Amino acid sequence: MVISQSEYYISPEEYLEGEKVSEIKHEYIDGQVYAMARASDAHVTVSLNVSMLLRNHLRGSGCRVYMLDMKAQIDVINRYFYPDVMVTCDIRDKQFEYFKCYPCLIIEVLSESTEGYDRGKKFASYRHLESLQEYVLISPDRMSVECFRRNQEGHWVLYPYEKEEVYLASVDFRCAIAEIYEDVILIDENLS
């Protein structure tokens, strides 16, 4: 994920203004900006499929689905990330044009260069969002959807899906896992 790093502190306001005109996207971590790597065909297709499925499911509910270009703000730890897919059902998010603060669902499509970060430090950052109910990691090259769901005690519980129907409780959504991978060329796991 990290391509370049600034040596100087950049305020959140400077970051947000810069992103409006930047040709590449940057994530923001406590005064530093990090250029984001480009996404593969499979990555973009999975993101689009999930976004469309969720959008169709949530139409008319008051919830909003965002993909790729909308930032999630984690104010308490001074972070901005670009989730692959994000859903917010909180009316307070309507006041923010370039980021959202109260997502209930965040989905990241994995890549070789970001998988460790998405599972580790990024997930640790996202857990500071009190509104977040589910964090989902999707493999772009094999049928694997991992849903981390916050339980009533505040603990994150893993619900892995590989062949069966995928269920996202935060938005009461169900779909066949194959729908997420429509038009995606998957790796033959028998060959690996």
C-alpha atoms as a PDB file:
ATOM      1  CA  MET A   1       0.000   0.000   0.000  1.00  0.00           C
ATOM      2  CA  VAL A   2       2.732   2.485   0.854  1.00  0.00           C
ATOM      3  CA  ILE A   3       4.345   4.047  -2.190  1.00  0.00           C
ATOM      4  CA  SER A   4       5.515   7.389  -0.857  1.00  0.00           C
ATOM      5  CA  GLN A   5       5.586   9.186   2.463  1.00  0.00           C
ATOM      6  CA  SER A   6       5.776  12.866   3.214  1.00  0.00           C
ATOM      7  CA  GLU A   7       8.501  14.010   5.617  1.00  0.00           C
ATOM      8  CA  TYR A   8       6.358  16.850   6.933  1.00  0.00           C
ATOM      9  CA  TYR A   9       3.243  16.932   9.087  1.00  0.00           C
ATOM     10  CA  ILE A  10       0.115  17.634   7.054  1.00  0.00           C
ATOM     11  CA  SER A  11      -3.029  18.750   8.861  1.00  0.00           C
ATOM     12  CA  PRO A  12      -6.294  16.913   8.197  1.00  0.00           C
ATOM     13  CA  GLU A  13      -7.631  20.074   6.535  1.00  0.00           C
ATOM     14  CA  GLU A  14      -4.614  20.278   4.187  1.00  0.00           C
ATOM     15  CA  TYR A  15      -4.985  16.584   3.386  1.00  0.00           C
ATOM     16  CA  LEU A  16      -8.691  16.897   2.541  1.00  0.00           C
ATOM     17  CA  GLU A  17      -8.092  19.915   0.305  1.00  0.00           C
ATOM     18  CA  GLY A  18      -5.204  18.156  -1.467  1.00  0.00           C
ATOM     19  CA  GLU A  19      -7.269  15.035  -2.129  1.00  0.00           C
ATOM     20  CA  LYS A  20      -9.887  17.086  -3.973  1.00  0.00           C
ATOM     21  CA  VAL A  21      -7.362  17.850  -6.752  1.00  0.00           C
ATOM     22  CA  SER A  22      -4.939  14.916  -6.515  1.00  0.00           C
ATOM     23  CA  GLU A  23      -4.693  12.546  -9.480  1.00  0.00           C
ATOM     24  CA  ILE A  24      -3.897   9.682  -7.099  1.00  0.00           C
ATOM     25  CA  LYS A  25      -5.552   8.743  -3.831  1.00  0.00           C
ATOM     26  CA  HIS A  26      -3.732   8.946  -0.511  1.00  0.00           C
ATOM     27  CA  GLU A  27      -4.594   7.561   2.876  1.00  0.00           C
ATOM     28  CA  TYR A  28      -3.881   9.756   5.891  1.00  0.00           C
ATOM     29  CA  ILE A  29      -2.318   8.491   9.124  1.00  0.00           C
ATOM     30  CA  ASP A  30      -1.632  11.013  11.855  1.00  0.00           C
ATOM     31  CA  GLY A  31      -0.163  13.763   9.676  1.00  0.00           C
ATOM     32  CA  GLN A  32       1.444  11.560   7.020  1.00  0.00           C
ATOM     33  CA  VAL A  33       0.006  10.713   3.605  1.00  0.00           C
ATOM     34  CA  TYR A  34       0.519   7.438   1.779  1.00  0.00           C
ATOM     35  CA  ALA A  35      -0.166   6.948  -1.926  1.00  0.00           C
ATOM     36  CA  MET A  36      -2.410   4.016  -2.712  1.00  0.00           C
ATOM     37  CA  ALA A  37      -1.492   1.268  -5.148  1.00  0.00           C
ATOM     38  CA  ARG A  38      -3.632   0.678  -8.227  1.00  0.00           C
ATOM     39  CA  ALA A  39      -6.242  -2.097  -8.139  1.00  0.00           C
ATOM     40  CA  SER A  40      -6.399  -5.187 -10.357  1.00  0.00           C
ATOM     41  CA  ASP A  41      -9.294  -6.147 -12.628  1.00  0.00           C
ATOM     42  CA  ALA A  42     -10.472  -8.770 -10.110  1.00  0.00           C
ATOM     43  CA  HIS A  43     -10.227  -6.269  -7.244  1.00  0.00           C
ATOM     44  CA  VAL A  44     -12.343  -3.675  -9.043  1.00  0.00           C
ATOM     45  CA  THR A  45     -14.860  -6.270 -10.283  1.00  0.00           C
ATOM     46  CA  VAL A  46     -15.384  -7.732  -6.797  1.00  0.00           C
ATOM     47  CA  SER A  47     -15.761  -4.217  -5.350  1.00  0.00           C
ATOM     48  CA  LEU A  48     -18.301  -3.296  -8.030  1.00  0.00           C
ATOM     49  CA  ASN A  49     -20.263  -6.547  -7.607  1.00  0.00           C
ATOM     50  CA  VAL A  50     -20.530  -6.119  -3.830  1.00  0.00           C
ATOM     51  CA  SER A  51     -21.440  -2.445  -4.168  1.00  0.00           C
ATOM     52  CA  MET A  52     -24.198  -3.179  -6.652  1.00  0.00           C
ATOM     53  CA  LEU A  53     -25.607  -6.049  -4.604  1.00  0.00           C
ATOM     54  CA  LEU A  54     -25.665  -3.900  -1.477  1.00  0.00           C
ATOM     55  CA  ARG A  55     -27.066  -0.875  -3.311  1.00  0.00           C
ATOM     56  CA  ASN A  56     -29.927  -2.931  -4.718  1.00  0.00           C
ATOM     57  CA  HIS A  57     -30.619  -4.434  -1.286  1.00  0.00           C
ATOM     58  CA  LEU A  58     -30.524  -1.093   0.551  1.00  0.00           C
ATOM     59  CA  ARG A  59     -32.411   1.040  -1.988  1.00  0.00           C
ATOM     60  CA  GLY A  60     -34.979   3.175  -0.154  1.00  0.00           C
ATOM     61  CA  SER A  61     -33.701   2.249   3.315  1.00  0.00           C
ATOM     62  CA  GLY A  62     -31.860   5.488   4.060  1.00  0.00           C
ATOM     63  CA  CYS A  63     -28.515   3.652   4.047  1.00  0.00           C
ATOM     64  CA  ARG A  64     -25.842   4.731   1.541  1.00  0.00           C
ATOM     65  CA  VAL A  65     -23.291   2.519  -0.210  1.00  0.00           C
ATOM     66  CA  TYR A  66     -19.934   3.982  -1.267  1.00  0.00           C
ATOM     67  CA  MET A  67     -17.089   2.390  -3.169  1.00  0.00           C
ATOM     68  CA  LEU A  68     -13.455   3.206  -3.820  1.00  0.00           C
ATOM     69  CA  ASP A  69     -13.471   7.033  -3.721  1.00  0.00           C
ATOM     70  CA  MET A  70     -15.194   7.847  -0.420  1.00  0.00           C
ATOM     71  CA  LYS A  71     -13.031   8.179   2.665  1.00  0.00           C
ATOM     72  CA  ALA A  72     -13.768   6.832   6.151  1.00  0.00           C
ATOM     73  CA  GLN A  73     -12.671   9.250   8.875  1.00  0.00           C
ATOM     74  CA  ILE A  74     -11.470   7.871  12.205  1.00  0.00           C
ATOM     75  CA  ASP A  75     -11.248  11.149  14.063  1.00  0.00           C
ATOM     76  CA  VAL A  76     -10.232   9.785  17.461  1.00  0.00           C
ATOM     77  CA  ILE A  77      -6.911   8.482  16.033  1.00  0.00           C
ATOM     78  CA  ASN A  78      -6.476  11.016  13.194  1.00  0.00           C
ATOM     79  CA  ARG A  79      -6.900   8.671  10.206  1.00  0.00           C
ATOM     80  CA  TYR A  80      -8.590   8.703   6.789  1.00  0.00           C
ATOM     81  CA  PHE A  81      -8.840   5.549   4.693  1.00  0.00           C
ATOM     82  CA  TYR A  82     -10.463   4.706   1.369  1.00  0.00           C
ATOM     83  CA  PRO A  83     -12.388   1.464   1.968  1.00  0.00           C
ATOM     84  CA  ASP A  84     -13.225  -0.532  -1.138  1.00  0.00           C
ATOM     85  CA  VAL A  85     -16.881  -0.549  -0.055  1.00  0.00           C
ATOM     86  CA  MET A  86     -18.504   1.239   2.865  1.00  0.00           C
ATOM     87  CA  VAL A  87     -22.096   1.487   4.095  1.00  0.00           C
ATOM     88  CA  THR A  88     -23.440   4.139   6.420  1.00  0.00           C
ATOM     89  CA  CYS A  89     -26.996   4.265   7.723  1.00  0.00           C
ATOM     90  CA  ASP A  90     -26.342   7.190  10.054  1.00  0.00           C
ATOM     91  CA  ILE A  91     -28.078  10.446   9.129  1.00  0.00           C
ATOM     92  CA  ARG A  92     -25.151  12.426  10.570  1.00  0.00           C
ATOM     93  CA  ASP A  93     -22.993  11.302   7.629  1.00  0.00           C
ATOM     94  CA  LYS A  94     -25.122  13.329   5.192  1.00  0.00           C
ATOM     95  CA  GLN A  95     -23.335  16.496   6.353  1.00  0.00           C
ATOM     96  CA  PHE A  96     -19.921  15.270   5.141  1.00  0.00           C
ATOM     97  CA  GLU A  97     -19.203  15.606   1.425  1.00  0.00           C
ATOM     98  CA  TYR A  98     -15.764  13.950   1.120  1.00  0.00           C
ATOM     99  CA  PHE A  99     -15.681  11.461   4.003  1.00  0.00           C
ATOM    100  CA  LYS A 100     -18.013   9.520   6.286  1.00  0.00           C
ATOM    101  CA  CYS A 101     -17.643   9.131  10.058  1.00  0.00           C
ATOM    102  CA  TYR A 102     -20.283   6.567  11.047  1.00  0.00           C
ATOM    103  CA  PRO A 103     -20.095   3.493   8.792  1.00  0.00           C
ATOM    104  CA  CYS A 104     -21.746   0.297   9.976  1.00  0.00           C
ATOM    105  CA  LEU A 105     -20.026  -1.890   7.359  1.00  0.00           C
ATOM    106  CA  ILE A 106     -16.581  -1.662   5.756  1.00  0.00           C
ATOM    107  CA  ILE A 107     -15.348  -4.071   3.088  1.00  0.00           C
ATOM    108  CA  GLU A 108     -11.770  -4.384   1.878  1.00  0.00           C
ATOM    109  CA  VAL A 109     -10.820  -6.482  -1.146  1.00  0.00           C
ATOM    110  CA  LEU A 110      -7.409  -7.962  -0.458  1.00  0.00           C
ATOM    111  CA  SER A 111      -4.280  -7.794  -2.587  1.00  0.00           C
ATOM    112  CA  GLU A 112      -0.822  -9.276  -2.058  1.00  0.00           C
ATOM    113  CA  SER A 113       0.623  -5.896  -1.144  1.00  0.00           C
ATOM    114  CA  THR A 114      -2.109  -4.876   1.327  1.00  0.00           C
ATOM    115  CA  GLU A 115      -3.400  -8.111   2.882  1.00  0.00           C
ATOM    116  CA  GLY A 116      -1.235  -8.007   6.014  1.00  0.00           C
ATOM    117  CA  TYR A 117      -2.003  -4.325   6.561  1.00  0.00           C
ATOM    118  CA  ASP A 118      -5.758  -4.789   5.977  1.00  0.00           C
ATOM    119  CA  ARG A 119      -5.848  -7.656   8.493  1.00  0.00           C
ATOM    120  CA  GLY A 120      -3.623  -5.923  11.040  1.00  0.00           C
ATOM    121  CA  LYS A 121      -3.083  -2.208  11.489  1.00  0.00           C
ATOM    122  CA  LYS A 122      -5.956  -1.068   9.293  1.00  0.00           C
ATOM    123  CA  PHE A 123      -8.437  -3.341  11.080  1.00  0.00           C
ATOM    124  CA  ALA A 124      -7.072  -2.093  14.419  1.00  0.00           C
ATOM    125  CA  SER A 125      -7.726   1.467  13.239  1.00  0.00           C
ATOM    126  CA  TYR A 126     -11.233   0.691  12.004  1.00  0.00           C
ATOM    127  CA  ARG A 127     -12.123  -0.850  15.385  1.00  0.00           C
ATOM    128  CA  HIS A 128     -12.041   2.692  16.833  1.00  0.00           C
ATOM    129  CA  LEU A 129     -15.243   3.441  14.889  1.00  0.00           C
ATOM    130  CA  GLU A 130     -18.024   2.895  17.422  1.00  0.00           C
ATOM    131  CA  SER A 131     -20.595   2.668  14.621  1.00  0.00           C
ATOM    132  CA  LEU A 132     -18.764  -0.161  12.831  1.00  0.00           C
ATOM    133  CA  GLN A 133     -20.575  -3.483  13.202  1.00  0.00           C
ATOM    134  CA  GLU A 134     -18.816  -5.551  10.511  1.00  0.00           C
ATOM    135  CA  TYR A 135     -15.447  -5.559   8.767  1.00  0.00           C
ATOM    136  CA  VAL A 136     -15.263  -7.814   5.724  1.00  0.00           C
ATOM    137  CA  LEU A 137     -12.183  -9.043   3.869  1.00  0.00           C
ATOM    138  CA  ILE A 138     -12.690 -10.524   0.406  1.00  0.00           C
ATOM    139  CA  SER A 139     -10.093 -12.442  -1.585  1.00  0.00           C
ATOM    140  CA  PRO A 140     -10.080 -11.321  -5.243  1.00  0.00           C
ATOM    141  CA  ASP A 141      -8.768 -14.616  -6.636  1.00  0.00           C
ATOM    142  CA  ARG A 142     -10.526 -17.401  -4.697  1.00  0.00           C
ATOM    143  CA  MET A 143     -13.945 -17.661  -3.089  1.00  0.00           C
ATOM    144  CA  SER A 144     -13.215 -16.480   0.417  1.00  0.00           C
ATOM    145  CA  VAL A 145     -15.185 -13.875   2.345  1.00  0.00           C
ATOM    146  CA  GLU A 146     -14.208 -13.261   5.966  1.00  0.00           C
ATOM    147  CA  CYS A 147     -16.690 -11.276   8.008  1.00  0.00           C
ATOM    148  CA  PHE A 148     -15.549  -9.937  11.368  1.00  0.00           C
ATOM    149  CA  ARG A 149     -18.692  -9.065  13.328  1.00  0.00           C
ATOM    150  CA  ARG A 150     -18.784  -7.134  16.608  1.00  0.00           C
ATOM    151  CA  ASN A 151     -20.840  -9.064  19.178  1.00  0.00           C
ATOM    152  CA  GLN A 152     -22.859  -7.672  22.099  1.00  0.00           C
ATOM    153  CA  GLU A 153     -19.796  -7.761  24.357  1.00  0.00           C
ATOM    154  CA  GLY A 154     -17.820  -5.689  21.839  1.00  0.00           C
ATOM    155  CA  HIS A 155     -15.615  -8.590  20.731  1.00  0.00           C
ATOM    156  CA  TRP A 156     -14.944  -9.239  17.051  1.00  0.00           C
ATOM    157  CA  VAL A 157     -16.001 -12.722  15.895  1.00  0.00           C
ATOM    158  CA  LEU A 158     -14.930 -14.222  12.556  1.00  0.00           C
ATOM    159  CA  TYR A 159     -17.571 -15.661  10.223  1.00  0.00           C
ATOM    160  CA  PRO A 160     -15.784 -17.221   7.212  1.00  0.00           C
ATOM    161  CA  TYR A 161     -17.644 -18.000   3.983  1.00  0.00           C
ATOM    162  CA  GLU A 162     -16.179 -20.092   1.157  1.00  0.00           C
ATOM    163  CA  LYS A 163     -19.007 -21.851  -0.648  1.00  0.00           C
ATOM    164  CA  GLU A 164     -22.216 -21.012   1.120  1.00  0.00           C
ATOM    165  CA  GLU A 165     -24.437 -17.980   1.284  1.00  0.00           C
ATOM    166  CA  VAL A 166     -22.809 -14.826   2.671  1.00  0.00           C
ATOM    167  CA  TYR A 167     -24.675 -13.011   5.452  1.00  0.00           C
ATOM    168  CA  LEU A 168     -23.951  -9.448   6.587  1.00  0.00           C
ATOM    169  CA  ALA A 169     -25.968  -8.800   9.745  1.00  0.00           C
ATOM    170  CA  SER A 170     -25.210  -5.055   9.872  1.00  0.00           C
ATOM    171  CA  VAL A 171     -27.453  -4.477   6.858  1.00  0.00           C
ATOM    172  CA  ASP A 172     -29.428  -7.759   6.956  1.00  0.00           C
ATOM    173  CA  PHE A 173     -28.002  -8.802   3.575  1.00  0.00           C
ATOM    174  CA  ARG A 174     -27.689 -12.285   2.090  1.00  0.00           C
ATOM    175  CA  CYS A 175     -26.332 -13.446  -1.251  1.00  0.00           C
ATOM    176  CA  ALA A 176     -24.747 -16.484  -2.845  1.00  0.00           C
ATOM    177  CA  ILE A 177     -20.965 -16.152  -2.687  1.00  0.00           C
ATOM    178  CA  ALA A 178     -20.865 -16.728  -6.464  1.00  0.00           C
ATOM    179  CA  GLU A 179     -22.654 -13.389  -6.982  1.00  0.00           C
ATOM    180  CA  ILE A 180     -19.711 -11.574  -5.398  1.00  0.00           C
ATOM    181  CA  TYR A 181     -17.349 -13.266  -7.879  1.00  0.00           C
ATOM    182  CA  GLU A 182     -19.406 -12.807 -11.047  1.00  0.00           C
ATOM    183  CA  ASP A 183     -17.060 -12.159 -14.023  1.00  0.00           C
ATOM    184  CA  VAL A 184     -13.943 -12.768 -11.889  1.00  0.00           C
ATOM    185  CA  ILE A 185     -11.340 -15.329 -13.007  1.00  0.00           C
ATOM    186  CA  LEU A 186     -10.525 -17.379  -9.925  1.00  0.00           C
ATOM    187  CA  ILE A 187      -7.336 -19.302  -9.194  1.00  0.00           C
ATOM    188  CA  ASP A 188      -7.808 -23.072  -9.450  1.00  0.00           C
ATOM    189  CA  GLU A 189      -6.993 -24.071  -5.882  1.00  0.00           C
ATOM    190  CA  ASN A 190      -6.256 -27.640  -7.009  1.00  0.00           C
ATOM    191  CA  LEU A 191      -3.203 -26.307  -8.881  1.00  0.00           C
ATOM    192  CA  SER A 192      -1.713 -24.478  -5.889  1.00  0.00           C
END
